[in-house]
């Protein structure tokens, strides 16, 4: 899945630009399958895409429109989707977007991982062997953007602790 190193993400949003451009031929964060969460109080940014977590609460789709692909990505059968947004509400980190009655999951650009290729800081990478549990985030309530910010804040805790201790962050 697409992984973002919080310590080197600069929040440039090039990942959002390329994602929306590749999939929709337009530059629009609303059309992107990866979203940058910005922590205004600290200036920390974190790009978040579907991590195909071990829990996969999005698969509780009432129409069985979602399945897991060969690379672990979530796949949508458009003809089965009724646009109920259950998957959007189920995602614990707000990684599922929605446009014109369809959820937007990271599809790994059919193997091209465009966001990884354009990331100027090298913060994004593709990891095929990660098994990520998001269990601790399942109970967090809020809109998708609030869940993204919450996830980013938790991911940034170790870095903030090093900052407080006066440690230098090397990249």
N, C-alpha and C. Protein backbone atom coordinates (compact mmCIF):
# COMPACT_ATOMS: atom_id res chain seq x y z
N UNK A 1 0.82 -1.17 0.00
CA UNK A 1 0.00 0.00 0.00
C UNK A 1 0.88 1.25 0.00
N UNK A 2 0.26 2.39 -0.16
CA UNK A 2 1.00 3.64 -0.18
C UNK A 2 1.27 4.05 1.27
N UNK A 3 2.53 4.26 1.58
CA UNK A 3 2.95 4.65 2.92
C UNK A 3 3.56 6.04 2.86
N UNK A 4 3.28 6.85 3.86
CA UNK A 4 3.83 8.20 3.94
C UNK A 4 4.65 8.34 5.22
N UNK A 5 5.89 8.78 5.07
CA UNK A 5 6.76 9.06 6.21
C UNK A 5 6.43 10.46 6.72
N UNK A 6 5.84 10.53 7.89
CA UNK A 6 5.42 11.81 8.45
C UNK A 6 6.60 12.75 8.63
N UNK A 7 7.77 12.22 8.87
CA UNK A 7 8.94 13.06 9.12
C UNK A 7 9.44 13.79 7.88
N UNK A 8 9.06 13.33 6.69
CA UNK A 8 9.56 14.00 5.49
C UNK A 8 8.48 14.50 4.55
N UNK A 9 7.22 14.28 4.88
CA UNK A 9 6.13 14.84 4.06
C UNK A 9 6.11 16.35 4.25
N UNK A 10 6.14 17.08 3.14
CA UNK A 10 6.16 18.54 3.20
C UNK A 10 4.78 19.15 2.93
N UNK A 11 3.78 18.32 2.69
CA UNK A 11 2.42 18.83 2.49
C UNK A 11 2.22 19.56 1.18
N UNK A 12 3.02 19.25 0.17
CA UNK A 12 2.94 19.96 -1.11
C UNK A 12 1.69 19.61 -1.91
N UNK A 13 1.09 18.48 -1.60
CA UNK A 13 -0.14 18.00 -2.24
C UNK A 13 0.04 17.57 -3.70
N UNK A 14 1.28 17.36 -4.11
CA UNK A 14 1.51 16.84 -5.47
C UNK A 14 0.86 15.47 -5.64
N UNK A 15 0.78 14.70 -4.57
CA UNK A 15 0.12 13.39 -4.64
C UNK A 15 -1.35 13.55 -4.99
N UNK A 16 -2.01 14.54 -4.39
CA UNK A 16 -3.42 14.80 -4.69
C UNK A 16 -3.58 15.27 -6.14
N UNK A 17 -2.68 16.11 -6.59
CA UNK A 17 -2.74 16.64 -7.95
C UNK A 17 -2.61 15.52 -8.98
N UNK A 18 -1.58 14.69 -8.84
CA UNK A 18 -1.36 13.64 -9.82
C UNK A 18 -2.47 12.59 -9.76
N UNK A 19 -2.96 12.29 -8.57
CA UNK A 19 -4.02 11.29 -8.43
C UNK A 19 -5.29 11.74 -9.15
N UNK A 20 -5.73 12.95 -8.89
CA UNK A 20 -6.94 13.43 -9.54
C UNK A 20 -6.73 13.58 -11.04
N UNK A 21 -5.54 13.96 -11.44
CA UNK A 21 -5.24 14.12 -12.86
C UNK A 21 -5.24 12.77 -13.58
N UNK A 22 -4.61 11.78 -13.00
CA UNK A 22 -4.55 10.45 -13.61
C UNK A 22 -5.94 9.83 -13.71
N UNK A 23 -6.73 9.95 -12.66
CA UNK A 23 -8.02 9.27 -12.64
C UNK A 23 -9.16 10.05 -13.28
N UNK A 24 -9.09 11.38 -13.24
CA UNK A 24 -10.21 12.18 -13.73
C UNK A 24 -9.80 13.25 -14.75
N UNK A 25 -8.53 13.38 -15.02
CA UNK A 25 -8.09 14.40 -15.96
C UNK A 25 -8.32 15.81 -15.45
N UNK A 26 -8.37 15.97 -14.14
CA UNK A 26 -8.60 17.27 -13.52
C UNK A 26 -7.74 17.39 -12.27
N UNK A 27 -7.46 18.63 -11.90
CA UNK A 27 -6.71 18.87 -10.66
C UNK A 27 -7.71 19.29 -9.60
N UNK A 28 -7.98 18.36 -8.67
CA UNK A 28 -8.96 18.62 -7.63
C UNK A 28 -8.74 17.68 -6.46
N UNK A 29 -8.43 18.23 -5.27
CA UNK A 29 -8.28 17.35 -4.11
C UNK A 29 -9.52 16.51 -3.85
N UNK A 30 -10.68 17.01 -4.19
CA UNK A 30 -11.92 16.26 -3.97
C UNK A 30 -11.99 15.00 -4.83
N UNK A 31 -11.23 14.96 -5.90
CA UNK A 31 -11.23 13.80 -6.79
C UNK A 31 -10.05 12.87 -6.54
N UNK A 32 -9.23 13.21 -5.58
CA UNK A 32 -8.03 12.43 -5.28
C UNK A 32 -8.36 11.25 -4.39
N UNK A 33 -7.61 10.18 -4.57
CA UNK A 33 -7.76 8.98 -3.74
C UNK A 33 -6.73 8.96 -2.62
N UNK A 34 -5.93 10.01 -2.56
CA UNK A 34 -4.98 10.22 -1.47
C UNK A 34 -5.21 11.65 -0.99
N UNK A 35 -5.22 11.83 0.31
CA UNK A 35 -5.51 13.15 0.88
C UNK A 35 -4.45 13.51 1.90
N UNK A 36 -4.07 14.78 1.90
CA UNK A 36 -3.09 15.25 2.86
C UNK A 36 -3.80 15.83 4.08
N UNK A 37 -3.46 15.31 5.23
CA UNK A 37 -3.97 15.85 6.50
C UNK A 37 -2.92 16.82 7.01
N UNK A 38 -3.34 18.02 7.36
CA UNK A 38 -2.42 19.04 7.85
C UNK A 38 -2.76 19.35 9.29
N UNK A 39 -1.76 19.27 10.15
CA UNK A 39 -1.92 19.62 11.55
C UNK A 39 -1.47 21.07 11.70
N UNK A 40 -2.41 21.96 11.69
CA UNK A 40 -2.12 23.40 11.67
C UNK A 40 -1.29 23.85 12.87
N UNK A 41 -1.53 23.26 14.04
CA UNK A 41 -0.82 23.72 15.23
C UNK A 41 0.67 23.38 15.24
N UNK A 42 1.07 22.37 14.46
CA UNK A 42 2.48 21.98 14.45
C UNK A 42 3.12 22.08 13.07
N UNK A 43 2.31 22.25 12.03
CA UNK A 43 2.85 22.30 10.68
C UNK A 43 3.19 20.93 10.13
N UNK A 44 2.71 19.90 10.75
CA UNK A 44 2.97 18.53 10.31
C UNK A 44 1.92 18.14 9.26
N UNK A 45 2.38 17.47 8.21
CA UNK A 45 1.50 17.00 7.15
C UNK A 45 1.67 15.49 7.00
N UNK A 46 0.61 14.84 6.54
CA UNK A 46 0.68 13.40 6.29
C UNK A 46 -0.30 13.05 5.19
N UNK A 47 0.21 12.45 4.11
CA UNK A 47 -0.64 11.98 3.02
C UNK A 47 -1.23 10.63 3.42
N UNK A 48 -2.54 10.49 3.22
CA UNK A 48 -3.23 9.27 3.64
C UNK A 48 -4.02 8.70 2.48
N UNK A 49 -3.77 7.45 2.17
CA UNK A 49 -4.52 6.69 1.18
C UNK A 49 -4.98 5.40 1.84
N UNK A 50 -5.88 4.69 1.20
CA UNK A 50 -6.34 3.41 1.74
C UNK A 50 -5.14 2.52 2.01
N UNK A 51 -5.06 2.01 3.23
CA UNK A 51 -3.94 1.17 3.63
C UNK A 51 -4.29 -0.31 3.60
N UNK A 52 -5.49 -0.61 3.15
CA UNK A 52 -5.96 -1.99 3.13
C UNK A 52 -5.64 -2.66 4.47
N UNK A 53 -6.10 -2.02 5.53
CA UNK A 53 -5.82 -2.48 6.89
C UNK A 53 -6.32 -3.90 7.12
N UNK A 54 -5.80 -4.52 8.14
CA UNK A 54 -6.18 -5.90 8.42
C UNK A 54 -7.66 -6.02 8.80
N UNK A 55 -8.23 -4.95 9.39
CA UNK A 55 -9.63 -5.01 9.82
C UNK A 55 -10.61 -4.88 8.66
N UNK A 56 -10.29 -4.06 7.68
CA UNK A 56 -11.11 -3.82 6.49
C UNK A 56 -12.60 -3.58 6.80
N UNK A 57 -12.91 -2.59 7.64
CA UNK A 57 -14.32 -2.32 7.95
C UNK A 57 -15.12 -1.88 6.73
N UNK A 58 -14.47 -1.37 5.72
CA UNK A 58 -15.17 -0.93 4.50
C UNK A 58 -15.82 -2.10 3.78
N UNK A 59 -15.33 -3.30 3.99
CA UNK A 59 -15.90 -4.46 3.30
C UNK A 59 -17.27 -4.85 3.83
N UNK A 60 -17.73 -4.15 4.86
CA UNK A 60 -19.08 -4.40 5.38
C UNK A 60 -20.12 -3.73 4.49
N UNK A 61 -19.84 -3.66 3.23
CA UNK A 61 -20.71 -3.05 2.23
C UNK A 61 -22.02 -3.83 2.14
N UNK A 62 -23.16 -3.14 2.26
CA UNK A 62 -24.44 -3.85 2.22
C UNK A 62 -24.78 -4.48 0.87
N UNK A 63 -24.09 -4.06 -0.19
CA UNK A 63 -24.37 -4.63 -1.51
C UNK A 63 -23.23 -5.52 -2.01
N UNK A 64 -22.23 -5.77 -1.16
CA UNK A 64 -21.06 -6.59 -1.52
C UNK A 64 -20.35 -6.06 -2.77
N UNK A 65 -20.29 -4.74 -2.90
CA UNK A 65 -19.65 -4.12 -4.06
C UNK A 65 -18.13 -4.04 -3.92
N UNK A 66 -17.62 -4.35 -2.73
CA UNK A 66 -16.18 -4.21 -2.49
C UNK A 66 -15.52 -5.57 -2.27
N UNK A 67 -14.30 -5.67 -2.77
CA UNK A 67 -13.51 -6.88 -2.57
C UNK A 67 -12.04 -6.48 -2.49
N UNK A 68 -11.19 -7.45 -2.22
CA UNK A 68 -9.76 -7.18 -2.11
C UNK A 68 -9.07 -7.73 -3.35
N UNK A 69 -8.24 -6.88 -3.98
CA UNK A 69 -7.51 -7.26 -5.19
C UNK A 69 -6.24 -8.02 -4.88
N UNK A 70 -5.54 -8.39 -5.92
CA UNK A 70 -4.33 -9.20 -5.81
C UNK A 70 -3.22 -8.52 -5.00
N UNK A 71 -3.14 -7.21 -5.04
CA UNK A 71 -2.11 -6.47 -4.30
C UNK A 71 -2.61 -5.98 -2.94
N UNK A 72 -3.82 -6.40 -2.56
CA UNK A 72 -4.38 -5.98 -1.29
C UNK A 72 -5.25 -4.74 -1.39
N UNK A 73 -5.30 -4.14 -2.58
CA UNK A 73 -6.12 -2.93 -2.77
C UNK A 73 -7.61 -3.28 -2.76
N UNK A 74 -8.41 -2.31 -2.33
CA UNK A 74 -9.86 -2.49 -2.32
C UNK A 74 -10.38 -2.22 -3.72
N UNK A 75 -11.17 -3.13 -4.22
CA UNK A 75 -11.74 -3.00 -5.56
C UNK A 75 -13.24 -2.79 -5.47
N UNK A 76 -13.75 -1.98 -6.38
CA UNK A 76 -15.17 -1.64 -6.43
C UNK A 76 -15.81 -2.23 -7.67
N UNK A 77 -16.92 -2.93 -7.48
CA UNK A 77 -17.75 -3.36 -8.60
C UNK A 77 -18.84 -2.30 -8.73
N UNK A 78 -18.64 -1.39 -9.66
CA UNK A 78 -19.49 -0.21 -9.81
C UNK A 78 -20.97 -0.58 -9.94
N UNK A 79 -21.26 -1.63 -10.68
CA UNK A 79 -22.66 -2.01 -10.92
C UNK A 79 -23.37 -2.48 -9.65
N UNK A 80 -22.62 -2.87 -8.62
CA UNK A 80 -23.23 -3.30 -7.36
C UNK A 80 -23.36 -2.16 -6.34
N UNK A 81 -22.60 -1.09 -6.53
CA UNK A 81 -22.58 0.02 -5.57
C UNK A 81 -23.87 0.84 -5.66
N UNK A 82 -24.48 1.08 -4.50
CA UNK A 82 -25.70 1.89 -4.47
C UNK A 82 -25.44 3.31 -3.95
N UNK A 83 -24.19 3.65 -3.72
CA UNK A 83 -23.83 5.00 -3.28
C UNK A 83 -24.21 5.31 -1.84
N UNK A 84 -24.33 4.31 -1.00
CA UNK A 84 -24.78 4.52 0.38
C UNK A 84 -23.73 5.17 1.28
N UNK A 85 -22.47 5.15 0.89
CA UNK A 85 -21.35 5.72 1.64
C UNK A 85 -21.02 4.99 2.94
N UNK A 86 -21.48 3.76 3.09
CA UNK A 86 -21.15 2.97 4.27
C UNK A 86 -19.64 2.78 4.39
N UNK A 87 -18.97 2.58 3.27
CA UNK A 87 -17.52 2.38 3.27
C UNK A 87 -16.79 3.66 3.69
N UNK A 88 -17.31 4.80 3.28
CA UNK A 88 -16.71 6.09 3.65
C UNK A 88 -16.80 6.27 5.16
N UNK A 89 -17.96 5.98 5.71
CA UNK A 89 -18.17 6.12 7.15
C UNK A 89 -17.38 5.09 7.94
N UNK A 90 -17.12 3.92 7.35
CA UNK A 90 -16.44 2.83 8.05
C UNK A 90 -14.93 3.02 8.13
N UNK A 91 -14.36 3.76 7.21
CA UNK A 91 -12.89 3.89 7.18
C UNK A 91 -12.41 4.65 8.42
N UNK A 92 -11.58 4.01 9.23
CA UNK A 92 -11.16 4.63 10.49
C UNK A 92 -10.20 5.81 10.34
N UNK A 93 -9.61 5.97 9.14
CA UNK A 93 -8.65 7.07 8.95
C UNK A 93 -9.09 8.04 7.86
N UNK A 94 -10.32 7.93 7.41
CA UNK A 94 -10.85 8.87 6.42
C UNK A 94 -10.18 8.77 5.06
N UNK A 95 -9.74 7.58 4.68
CA UNK A 95 -9.01 7.41 3.43
C UNK A 95 -9.92 7.19 2.22
N UNK A 96 -11.20 7.02 2.43
CA UNK A 96 -12.11 6.77 1.32
C UNK A 96 -12.81 8.06 0.93
N UNK A 97 -12.61 8.45 -0.31
CA UNK A 97 -13.30 9.63 -0.83
C UNK A 97 -14.61 9.23 -1.47
N UNK A 98 -15.31 10.19 -2.03
CA UNK A 98 -16.59 9.89 -2.66
C UNK A 98 -16.85 10.92 -3.75
N UNK A 99 -17.26 10.44 -4.93
CA UNK A 99 -17.55 11.33 -6.05
C UNK A 99 -18.61 10.70 -6.94
N UNK A 100 -19.64 11.48 -7.23
CA UNK A 100 -20.72 11.03 -8.12
C UNK A 100 -21.22 9.63 -7.77
N UNK A 101 -21.60 9.46 -6.53
CA UNK A 101 -22.19 8.21 -6.04
C UNK A 101 -21.26 7.01 -6.06
N UNK A 102 -19.94 7.25 -6.08
CA UNK A 102 -18.99 6.15 -6.02
C UNK A 102 -17.87 6.45 -5.04
N UNK A 103 -17.50 5.44 -4.24
CA UNK A 103 -16.36 5.63 -3.34
C UNK A 103 -15.06 5.64 -4.14
N UNK A 104 -14.08 6.38 -3.62
CA UNK A 104 -12.77 6.48 -4.25
C UNK A 104 -11.74 5.82 -3.35
N UNK A 105 -11.27 4.66 -3.75
CA UNK A 105 -10.23 3.93 -3.04
C UNK A 105 -8.94 4.00 -3.85
N UNK A 106 -7.81 4.02 -3.17
CA UNK A 106 -6.54 3.95 -3.87
C UNK A 106 -6.48 2.63 -4.63
N UNK A 107 -6.30 2.70 -5.94
CA UNK A 107 -6.22 1.50 -6.76
C UNK A 107 -4.79 1.22 -7.21
N UNK A 108 -3.83 1.91 -6.58
CA UNK A 108 -2.41 1.75 -6.88
C UNK A 108 -2.10 2.10 -8.34
N UNK A 109 -2.98 2.87 -8.96
CA UNK A 109 -2.81 3.30 -10.37
C UNK A 109 -2.47 2.10 -11.26
N UNK A 110 -3.12 1.00 -11.01
CA UNK A 110 -2.86 -0.23 -11.77
C UNK A 110 -1.38 -0.58 -11.82
N UNK A 111 -0.70 -0.34 -10.71
CA UNK A 111 0.71 -0.69 -10.59
C UNK A 111 1.67 0.46 -10.84
N UNK A 112 1.19 1.60 -11.29
CA UNK A 112 2.06 2.73 -11.62
C UNK A 112 2.39 3.59 -10.40
N UNK A 113 1.59 3.52 -9.35
CA UNK A 113 1.74 4.32 -8.12
C UNK A 113 2.24 5.74 -8.43
N UNK A 114 1.42 6.47 -9.16
CA UNK A 114 1.76 7.81 -9.63
C UNK A 114 2.17 8.76 -8.52
N UNK A 115 1.49 8.69 -7.39
CA UNK A 115 1.81 9.60 -6.28
C UNK A 115 3.21 9.36 -5.76
N UNK A 116 3.62 8.11 -5.70
CA UNK A 116 4.98 7.78 -5.24
C UNK A 116 6.00 8.37 -6.21
N UNK A 117 5.72 8.25 -7.48
CA UNK A 117 6.65 8.73 -8.52
C UNK A 117 6.85 10.23 -8.48
N UNK A 118 5.81 11.01 -8.14
CA UNK A 118 5.94 12.47 -8.19
C UNK A 118 6.27 13.11 -6.85
N UNK A 119 6.29 12.37 -5.79
CA UNK A 119 6.53 12.94 -4.47
C UNK A 119 7.93 13.57 -4.41
N UNK A 120 8.01 14.90 -4.33
CA UNK A 120 9.31 15.56 -4.38
C UNK A 120 10.21 15.31 -3.16
N UNK A 121 9.61 15.01 -2.03
CA UNK A 121 10.42 14.79 -0.82
C UNK A 121 10.76 13.33 -0.60
N UNK A 122 10.15 12.43 -1.38
CA UNK A 122 10.39 11.01 -1.19
C UNK A 122 9.65 10.44 0.01
N UNK A 123 8.64 11.16 0.48
CA UNK A 123 7.89 10.71 1.66
C UNK A 123 7.00 9.51 1.35
N UNK A 124 6.57 9.37 0.11
CA UNK A 124 5.67 8.29 -0.26
C UNK A 124 6.42 7.09 -0.80
N UNK A 125 5.95 5.92 -0.42
CA UNK A 125 6.52 4.68 -0.94
C UNK A 125 5.41 3.64 -1.07
N UNK A 126 5.65 2.66 -1.92
CA UNK A 126 4.73 1.54 -2.05
C UNK A 126 5.30 0.39 -1.26
N UNK A 127 4.48 -0.18 -0.39
CA UNK A 127 4.90 -1.32 0.43
C UNK A 127 3.90 -2.45 0.25
N UNK A 128 4.35 -3.52 -0.32
CA UNK A 128 3.44 -4.64 -0.59
C UNK A 128 3.33 -5.59 0.59
N UNK A 129 4.27 -5.51 1.52
CA UNK A 129 4.28 -6.49 2.61
C UNK A 129 3.77 -5.96 3.94
N UNK A 130 3.33 -4.72 3.99
CA UNK A 130 2.84 -4.16 5.25
C UNK A 130 1.48 -4.74 5.63
N UNK A 131 1.38 -5.13 6.86
CA UNK A 131 0.10 -5.56 7.44
C UNK A 131 -0.22 -4.54 8.52
N UNK A 132 -1.08 -3.61 8.21
CA UNK A 132 -1.36 -2.50 9.11
C UNK A 132 -2.68 -2.72 9.82
N UNK A 133 -2.64 -2.63 11.13
CA UNK A 133 -3.86 -2.69 11.92
C UNK A 133 -4.27 -1.27 12.29
N UNK A 134 -5.52 -0.96 12.05
CA UNK A 134 -6.07 0.34 12.43
C UNK A 134 -7.09 0.19 13.54
N UNK A 135 -6.98 -0.90 14.29
CA UNK A 135 -7.94 -1.20 15.35
C UNK A 135 -8.09 -0.04 16.34
N UNK A 136 -6.99 0.61 16.70
CA UNK A 136 -7.08 1.68 17.68
C UNK A 136 -7.84 2.90 17.16
N UNK A 137 -8.07 2.97 15.86
CA UNK A 137 -8.78 4.10 15.28
C UNK A 137 -10.24 3.80 14.96
N UNK A 138 -10.65 2.56 15.12
CA UNK A 138 -12.01 2.15 14.73
C UNK A 138 -13.11 2.87 15.50
N UNK A 139 -12.85 3.24 16.73
CA UNK A 139 -13.89 3.86 17.57
C UNK A 139 -13.94 5.38 17.43
N UNK A 140 -12.99 5.97 16.72
CA UNK A 140 -12.97 7.43 16.61
C UNK A 140 -14.11 7.88 15.71
N UNK A 141 -14.92 8.78 16.22
CA UNK A 141 -16.06 9.32 15.48
C UNK A 141 -15.65 10.61 14.79
N UNK A 142 -16.31 10.93 13.72
CA UNK A 142 -16.07 12.19 13.05
C UNK A 142 -16.15 12.05 11.55
N UNK A 143 -16.11 13.20 10.89
CA UNK A 143 -16.12 13.23 9.44
C UNK A 143 -14.79 12.70 8.92
N UNK A 144 -14.72 12.29 7.65
CA UNK A 144 -13.46 11.76 7.12
C UNK A 144 -12.26 12.68 7.35
N UNK A 145 -12.41 13.98 7.17
CA UNK A 145 -11.28 14.88 7.38
C UNK A 145 -10.84 14.87 8.85
N UNK A 146 -11.79 14.81 9.77
CA UNK A 146 -11.45 14.75 11.19
C UNK A 146 -10.71 13.45 11.51
N UNK A 147 -11.10 12.36 10.88
CA UNK A 147 -10.42 11.08 11.10
C UNK A 147 -9.01 11.11 10.52
N UNK A 148 -8.83 11.76 9.34
CA UNK A 148 -7.49 11.88 8.77
C UNK A 148 -6.58 12.69 9.70
N UNK A 149 -7.09 13.80 10.21
CA UNK A 149 -6.30 14.64 11.10
C UNK A 149 -5.96 13.89 12.39
N UNK A 150 -6.91 13.16 12.93
CA UNK A 150 -6.66 12.37 14.14
C UNK A 150 -5.57 11.33 13.88
N UNK A 151 -5.67 10.63 12.77
CA UNK A 151 -4.67 9.62 12.43
C UNK A 151 -3.29 10.26 12.28
N UNK A 152 -3.23 11.38 11.57
CA UNK A 152 -1.96 12.09 11.38
C UNK A 152 -1.38 12.52 12.72
N UNK A 153 -2.22 13.01 13.60
CA UNK A 153 -1.75 13.47 14.91
C UNK A 153 -1.15 12.32 15.70
N UNK A 154 -1.77 11.16 15.66
CA UNK A 154 -1.24 9.99 16.38
C UNK A 154 0.07 9.54 15.75
N UNK A 155 0.14 9.54 14.42
CA UNK A 155 1.36 9.12 13.74
C UNK A 155 2.53 10.06 14.03
N UNK A 156 2.21 11.32 14.29
CA UNK A 156 3.25 12.32 14.52
C UNK A 156 3.75 12.38 15.96
N UNK A 157 3.11 11.67 16.88
CA UNK A 157 3.50 11.73 18.30
C UNK A 157 4.97 11.40 18.51
N UNK A 158 5.51 10.31 17.96
CA UNK A 158 6.94 10.02 18.20
C UNK A 158 7.86 11.15 17.71
N UNK A 159 7.53 11.73 16.58
CA UNK A 159 8.35 12.81 16.06
C UNK A 159 8.26 14.04 16.96
N UNK A 160 7.07 14.36 17.42
CA UNK A 160 6.92 15.51 18.32
C UNK A 160 7.66 15.27 19.63
N UNK A 161 7.66 14.05 20.13
CA UNK A 161 8.39 13.73 21.36
C UNK A 161 9.88 13.95 21.18
N UNK A 162 10.41 13.56 20.01
CA UNK A 162 11.83 13.80 19.74
C UNK A 162 12.12 15.29 19.65
N UNK A 163 11.19 16.05 19.06
CA UNK A 163 11.36 17.51 18.98
C UNK A 163 11.44 18.10 20.39
N UNK A 164 10.54 17.66 21.25
CA UNK A 164 10.51 18.17 22.62
C UNK A 164 11.80 17.85 23.36
N UNK A 165 12.37 16.69 23.03
CA UNK A 165 13.62 16.28 23.69
C UNK A 165 14.83 16.95 23.06
N UNK A 166 14.60 17.72 21.99
CA UNK A 166 15.69 18.46 21.35
C UNK A 166 16.46 17.64 20.34
N UNK A 167 15.93 16.49 19.97
CA UNK A 167 16.63 15.66 18.98
C UNK A 167 16.42 16.22 17.58
N UNK A 168 17.44 16.11 16.77
CA UNK A 168 17.38 16.57 15.39
C UNK A 168 16.71 15.48 14.56
N UNK A 169 15.86 15.90 13.60
CA UNK A 169 15.23 14.96 12.69
C UNK A 169 16.06 14.89 11.43
N UNK A 170 16.67 13.74 11.17
CA UNK A 170 17.46 13.55 9.96
C UNK A 170 16.62 12.89 8.90
N UNK A 171 16.80 13.32 7.66
CA UNK A 171 16.10 12.68 6.53
C UNK A 171 17.08 12.14 5.53
